[in-house]
C-alpha atoms as a PDB file:
ATOM      1  CA  UNK A   1      63.942 -40.876  55.776  1.00  0.00           C
ATOM      2  CA  UNK A   2      66.064 -43.942  56.317  1.00  0.00           C
ATOM      3  CA  UNK A   3      64.124 -46.779  57.922  1.00  0.00           C
ATOM      4  CA  UNK A   4      65.717 -49.592  59.900  1.00  0.00           C
ATOM      5  CA  UNK A   5      64.069 -52.791  58.753  1.00  0.00           C
ATOM      6  CA  UNK A   6      64.373 -56.480  59.563  1.00  0.00           C
ATOM      7  CA  UNK A   7      63.411 -59.289  57.187  1.00  0.00           C
ATOM      8  CA  UNK A   8      63.268 -62.824  58.586  1.00  0.00           C
ATOM      9  CA  UNK A   9      61.929 -66.238  57.718  1.00  0.00           C
ATOM     10  CA  UNK A  10      60.808 -68.094  60.824  1.00  0.00           C
ATOM     11  CA  UNK A  11      59.573 -71.567  61.526  1.00  0.00           C
ATOM     12  CA  UNK A  12      56.135 -71.827  63.090  1.00  0.00           C
ATOM     13  CA  UNK A  13      57.834 -72.231  66.459  1.00  0.00           C
ATOM     14  CA  UNK A  14      59.789 -68.975  66.048  1.00  0.00           C
ATOM     15  CA  UNK A  15      63.208 -70.236  64.933  1.00  0.00           C
ATOM     16  CA  UNK A  16      65.353 -68.394  62.371  1.00  0.00           C
ATOM     17  CA  UNK A  17      67.917 -71.215  62.108  1.00  0.00           C
ATOM     18  CA  UNK A  18      68.365 -74.758  63.304  1.00  0.00           C
ATOM     19  CA  UNK A  19      70.391 -75.615  66.414  1.00  0.00           C
ATOM     20  CA  UNK A  20      73.594 -75.814  64.340  1.00  0.00           C
ATOM     21  CA  UNK A  21      72.749 -72.702  62.292  1.00  0.00           C
ATOM     22  CA  UNK A  22      71.105 -74.888  59.622  1.00  0.00           C
ATOM     23  CA  UNK A  23      69.033 -73.101  57.006  1.00  0.00           C
ATOM     24  CA  UNK A  24      68.121 -76.197  54.977  1.00  0.00           C
ATOM     25  CA  UNK A  25      64.485 -75.915  56.119  1.00  0.00           C
ATOM     26  CA  UNK A  26      64.045 -72.697  54.126  1.00  0.00           C
ATOM     27  CA  UNK A  27      62.369 -73.160  50.746  1.00  0.00           C
ATOM     28  CA  UNK A  28      64.529 -72.397  47.741  1.00  0.00           C
ATOM     29  CA  UNK A  29      63.719 -70.425  44.640  1.00  0.00           C
ATOM     30  CA  UNK A  30      61.356 -72.211  42.305  1.00  0.00           C
ATOM     31  CA  UNK A  31      59.519 -74.076  45.080  1.00  0.00           C
ATOM     32  CA  UNK A  32      56.230 -72.303  44.480  1.00  0.00           C
ATOM     33  CA  UNK A  33      56.782 -69.239  46.657  1.00  0.00           C
ATOM     34  CA  UNK A  34      56.822 -65.619  45.562  1.00  0.00           C
ATOM     35  CA  UNK A  35      60.213 -63.906  45.773  1.00  0.00           C
ATOM     36  CA  UNK A  36      59.573 -61.100  48.258  1.00  0.00           C
ATOM     37  CA  UNK A  37      63.210 -60.590  49.227  1.00  0.00           C
ATOM     38  CA  UNK A  38      64.375 -59.069  45.917  1.00  0.00           C
ATOM     39  CA  UNK A  39      61.936 -56.130  46.016  1.00  0.00           C
ATOM     40  CA  UNK A  40      62.663 -55.637  49.730  1.00  0.00           C
ATOM     41  CA  UNK A  41      66.424 -55.585  49.131  1.00  0.00           C
ATOM     42  CA  UNK A  42      66.048 -53.131  46.231  1.00  0.00           C
ATOM     43  CA  UNK A  43      65.147 -50.472  48.838  1.00  0.00           C
ATOM     44  CA  UNK A  44      68.211 -51.192  50.991  1.00  0.00           C
ATOM     45  CA  UNK A  45      71.240 -48.914  50.981  1.00  0.00           C
ATOM     46  CA  UNK A  46      73.266 -50.752  53.636  1.00  0.00           C
ATOM     47  CA  UNK A  47      73.033 -53.819  55.791  1.00  0.00           C
ATOM     48  CA  UNK A  48      73.976 -54.213  59.450  1.00  0.00           C
ATOM     49  CA  UNK A  49      74.649 -57.915  59.985  1.00  0.00           C
ATOM     50  CA  UNK A  50      75.539 -59.878  63.083  1.00  0.00           C
ATOM     51  CA  UNK A  51      78.873 -61.702  63.082  1.00  0.00           C
ATOM     52  CA  UNK A  52      77.364 -65.169  63.458  1.00  0.00           C
ATOM     53  CA  UNK A  53      75.030 -64.497  60.516  1.00  0.00           C
ATOM     54  CA  UNK A  54      77.945 -63.221  58.442  1.00  0.00           C
ATOM     55  CA  UNK A  55      79.977 -66.349  59.191  1.00  0.00           C
ATOM     56  CA  UNK A  56      77.072 -68.596  58.117  1.00  0.00           C
ATOM     57  CA  UNK A  57      76.197 -66.608  54.964  1.00  0.00           C
ATOM     58  CA  UNK A  58      79.783 -66.092  53.806  1.00  0.00           C
ATOM     59  CA  UNK A  59      80.465 -69.846  54.093  1.00  0.00           C
ATOM     60  CA  UNK A  60      77.659 -70.635  51.638  1.00  0.00           C
ATOM     61  CA  UNK A  61      78.648 -71.768  48.181  1.00  0.00           C
ATOM     62  CA  UNK A  62      78.109 -69.545  45.196  1.00  0.00           C
ATOM     63  CA  UNK A  63      78.397 -65.865  44.402  1.00  0.00           C
ATOM     64  CA  UNK A  64      78.145 -63.270  47.199  1.00  0.00           C
ATOM     65  CA  UNK A  65      74.417 -62.693  47.424  1.00  0.00           C
ATOM     66  CA  UNK A  66      74.432 -59.001  48.396  1.00  0.00           C
ATOM     67  CA  UNK A  67      76.447 -57.610  45.475  1.00  0.00           C
ATOM     68  CA  UNK A  68      78.182 -54.321  46.257  1.00  0.00           C
ATOM     69  CA  UNK A  69      75.709 -53.185  48.935  1.00  0.00           C
ATOM     70  CA  UNK A  70      77.704 -52.005  51.966  1.00  0.00           C
ATOM     71  CA  UNK A  71      77.624 -54.697  54.658  1.00  0.00           C
ATOM     72  CA  UNK A  72      78.594 -53.614  58.158  1.00  0.00           C
ATOM     73  CA  UNK A  73      79.335 -56.643  60.341  1.00  0.00           C
ATOM     74  CA  UNK A  74      78.834 -56.126  64.066  1.00  0.00           C
ATOM     75  CA  UNK A  75      81.814 -57.835  65.656  1.00  0.00           C
ATOM     76  CA  UNK A  76      84.456 -57.428  68.322  1.00  0.00           C
ATOM     77  CA  UNK A  77      86.721 -59.996  66.647  1.00  0.00           C
ATOM     78  CA  UNK A  78      89.035 -59.523  63.681  1.00  0.00           C
ATOM     79  CA  UNK A  79      87.144 -59.825  60.407  1.00  0.00           C
ATOM     80  CA  UNK A  80      89.015 -61.277  57.476  1.00  0.00           C
ATOM     81  CA  UNK A  81      87.163 -61.198  54.182  1.00  0.00           C
ATOM     82  CA  UNK A  82      87.924 -60.703  50.519  1.00  0.00           C
ATOM     83  CA  UNK A  83      84.539 -59.077  49.901  1.00  0.00           C
ATOM     84  CA  UNK A  84      85.231 -55.364  49.300  1.00  0.00           C
ATOM     85  CA  UNK A  85      81.758 -54.199  50.397  1.00  0.00           C
ATOM     86  CA  UNK A  86      82.119 -55.783  53.871  1.00  0.00           C
ATOM     87  CA  UNK A  87      83.634 -54.005  56.861  1.00  0.00           C
ATOM     88  CA  UNK A  88      83.519 -54.509  60.636  1.00  0.00           C
ATOM     89  CA  UNK A  89      81.765 -52.188  63.081  1.00  0.00           C
ATOM     90  CA  UNK A  90      81.593 -52.342  66.853  1.00  0.00           C
ATOM     91  CA  UNK A  91      80.296 -50.424  69.800  1.00  0.00           C
ATOM     92  CA  UNK A  92      76.866 -49.790  71.266  1.00  0.00           C
ATOM     93  CA  UNK A  93      73.912 -50.821  69.080  1.00  0.00           C
ATOM     94  CA  UNK A  94      72.877 -47.177  68.700  1.00  0.00           C
ATOM     95  CA  UNK A  95      76.281 -46.231  67.238  1.00  0.00           C
ATOM     96  CA  UNK A  96      76.322 -49.207  64.849  1.00  0.00           C
ATOM     97  CA  UNK A  97      72.813 -48.416  63.573  1.00  0.00           C
ATOM     98  CA  UNK A  98      73.805 -44.771  63.077  1.00  0.00           C
ATOM     99  CA  UNK A  99      76.879 -45.851  61.114  1.00  0.00           C
ATOM    100  CA  UNK A 100      74.686 -48.103  58.954  1.00  0.00           C
ATOM    101  CA  UNK A 101      72.274 -45.201  58.347  1.00  0.00           C
ATOM    102  CA  UNK A 102      75.167 -43.084  57.088  1.00  0.00           C
ATOM    103  CA  UNK A 103      76.393 -45.895  54.838  1.00  0.00           C
ATOM    104  CA  UNK A 104      72.852 -46.321  53.446  1.00  0.00           C
ATOM    105  CA  UNK A 105      72.956 -42.868  51.888  1.00  0.00           C
ATOM    106  CA  UNK A 106      69.308 -42.042  52.571  1.00  0.00           C
ATOM    107  CA  UNK A 107      68.031 -45.505  51.660  1.00  0.00           C
ATOM    108  CA  UNK A 108      66.870 -48.153  54.152  1.00  0.00           C
ATOM    109  CA  UNK A 109      69.051 -50.147  56.541  1.00  0.00           C
ATOM    110  CA  UNK A 110      68.501 -53.904  56.584  1.00  0.00           C
ATOM    111  CA  UNK A 111      69.289 -55.371  59.988  1.00  0.00           C
ATOM    112  CA  UNK A 112      70.012 -59.122  60.006  1.00  0.00           C
ATOM    113  CA  UNK A 113      71.030 -61.554  62.721  1.00  0.00           C
ATOM    114  CA  UNK A 114      69.161 -62.787  65.775  1.00  0.00           C
ATOM    115  CA  UNK A 115      71.221 -61.272  68.599  1.00  0.00           C
ATOM    116  CA  UNK A 116      71.717 -58.000  66.726  1.00  0.00           C
ATOM    117  CA  UNK A 117      67.990 -57.829  65.982  1.00  0.00           C
ATOM    118  CA  UNK A 118      67.085 -58.406  69.634  1.00  0.00           C
ATOM    119  CA  UNK A 119      69.506 -55.670  70.752  1.00  0.00           C
ATOM    120  CA  UNK A 120      68.119 -53.169  68.237  1.00  0.00           C
ATOM    121  CA  UNK A 121      64.539 -54.069  69.119  1.00  0.00           C
ATOM    122  CA  UNK A 122      65.227 -53.614  72.827  1.00  0.00           C
ATOM    123  CA  UNK A 123      66.831 -50.210  72.064  1.00  0.00           C
ATOM    124  CA  UNK A 124      63.730 -49.265  70.004  1.00  0.00           C
ATOM    125  CA  UNK A 125      65.765 -48.748  66.834  1.00  0.00           C
ATOM    126  CA  UNK A 126      63.713 -50.890  64.423  1.00  0.00           C
ATOM    127  CA  UNK A 127      60.975 -49.314  62.335  1.00  0.00           C
ATOM    128  CA  UNK A 128      59.632 -52.341  60.469  1.00  0.00           C
ATOM    129  CA  UNK A 129      59.754 -56.133  60.690  1.00  0.00           C
ATOM    130  CA  UNK A 130      58.836 -58.455  57.845  1.00  0.00           C
ATOM    131  CA  UNK A 131      58.394 -62.051  58.963  1.00  0.00           C
ATOM    132  CA  UNK A 132      57.738 -64.941  56.616  1.00  0.00           C
ATOM    133  CA  UNK A 133      56.240 -67.913  58.437  1.00  0.00           C
ATOM    134  CA  UNK A 134      57.476 -71.175  56.941  1.00  0.00           C
ATOM    135  CA  UNK A 135      55.228 -74.195  57.577  1.00  0.00           C
ATOM    136  CA  UNK A 136      57.748 -76.224  59.538  1.00  0.00           C
ATOM    137  CA  UNK A 137      58.351 -76.805  63.255  1.00  0.00           C
ATOM    138  CA  UNK A 138      62.048 -77.153  64.090  1.00  0.00           C
ATOM    139  CA  UNK A 139      61.674 -77.949  67.791  1.00  0.00           C
ATOM    140  CA  UNK A 140      65.024 -76.343  68.628  1.00  0.00           C
ATOM    141  CA  UNK A 141      67.306 -73.743  67.145  1.00  0.00           C
ATOM    142  CA  UNK A 142      68.020 -70.032  67.115  1.00  0.00           C
ATOM    143  CA  UNK A 143      64.967 -68.087  68.302  1.00  0.00           C
ATOM    144  CA  UNK A 144      64.023 -64.762  66.741  1.00  0.00           C
ATOM    145  CA  UNK A 145      62.705 -63.309  69.989  1.00  0.00           C
ATOM    146  CA  UNK A 146      64.288 -63.702  73.397  1.00  0.00           C
ATOM    147  CA  UNK A 147      62.653 -64.684  76.655  1.00  0.00           C
ATOM    148  CA  UNK A 148      60.996 -62.001  78.714  1.00  0.00           C
ATOM    149  CA  UNK A 149      60.772 -59.434  75.937  1.00  0.00           C
ATOM    150  CA  UNK A 150      57.537 -57.604  75.287  1.00  0.00           C
ATOM    151  CA  UNK A 151      57.096 -55.338  72.265  1.00  0.00           C
ATOM    152  CA  UNK A 152      53.988 -53.893  70.674  1.00  0.00           C
ATOM    153  CA  UNK A 153      53.692 -53.902  66.899  1.00  0.00           C
ATOM    154  CA  UNK A 154      51.088 -52.750  64.404  1.00  0.00           C
ATOM    155  CA  UNK A 155      50.221 -55.171  61.605  1.00  0.00           C
ATOM    156  CA  UNK A 156      50.601 -53.442  58.233  1.00  0.00           C
ATOM    157  CA  UNK A 157      49.960 -56.431  55.975  1.00  0.00           C
ATOM    158  CA  UNK A 158      49.486 -60.185  55.953  1.00  0.00           C
ATOM    159  CA  UNK A 159      49.403 -62.311  52.838  1.00  0.00           C
ATOM    160  CA  UNK A 160      50.018 -65.764  51.489  1.00  0.00           C
ATOM    161  CA  UNK A 161      53.108 -65.906  49.282  1.00  0.00           C
ATOM    162  CA  UNK A 162      52.829 -69.545  48.182  1.00  0.00           C
ATOM    163  CA  UNK A 163      54.276 -72.877  49.315  1.00  0.00           C
ATOM    164  CA  UNK A 164      52.173 -72.632  52.485  1.00  0.00           C
ATOM    165  CA  UNK A 165      54.024 -69.512  53.654  1.00  0.00           C
ATOM    166  CA  UNK A 166      52.484 -66.348  55.080  1.00  0.00           C
ATOM    167  CA  UNK A 167      54.291 -63.025  55.155  1.00  0.00           C
ATOM    168  CA  UNK A 168      53.546 -60.537  57.928  1.00  0.00           C
ATOM    169  CA  UNK A 169      54.758 -56.934  57.933  1.00  0.00           C
ATOM    170  CA  UNK A 170      54.725 -54.970  61.189  1.00  0.00           C
ATOM    171  CA  UNK A 171      55.488 -51.402  62.191  1.00  0.00           C
ATOM    172  CA  UNK A 172      57.269 -51.385  65.541  1.00  0.00           C
ATOM    173  CA  UNK A 173      56.012 -49.049  68.271  1.00  0.00           C
END
């Protein structure tokens, strides 16, 4: 069965990006941390990504990180891209997640982007959340969770992955 999963790195104060969408606080490869993203992504058949996240990621230098995995970008604006695996989707969160499930071909859906994540969590569409706590306090930025939300989760695993980071995996109830 296709699971809808989220995979985030967060600062200790719950930020997924700096105030200007900065990601420079995230440790890079070779900085003493285990690569847990590659095995996670190997189980993904499609990705549902928020527009703001897409804009930030697609502006990064280097080769497109997600290869030919179908990327569905939740947006109400025109989406111009030369990446053949990327296409826009819009509508209610339930419809976009269903479209991503179909595109995943029986594999998992990776949901990425703060606002999109919060919408899917509120609609009870997320099965699993993997959070990597990075030992930094940003003070301000883009929060993973919104104000006033309450959700119960079941801890599946917790482990140190190096460089002072701890990875937590939760099933969402």
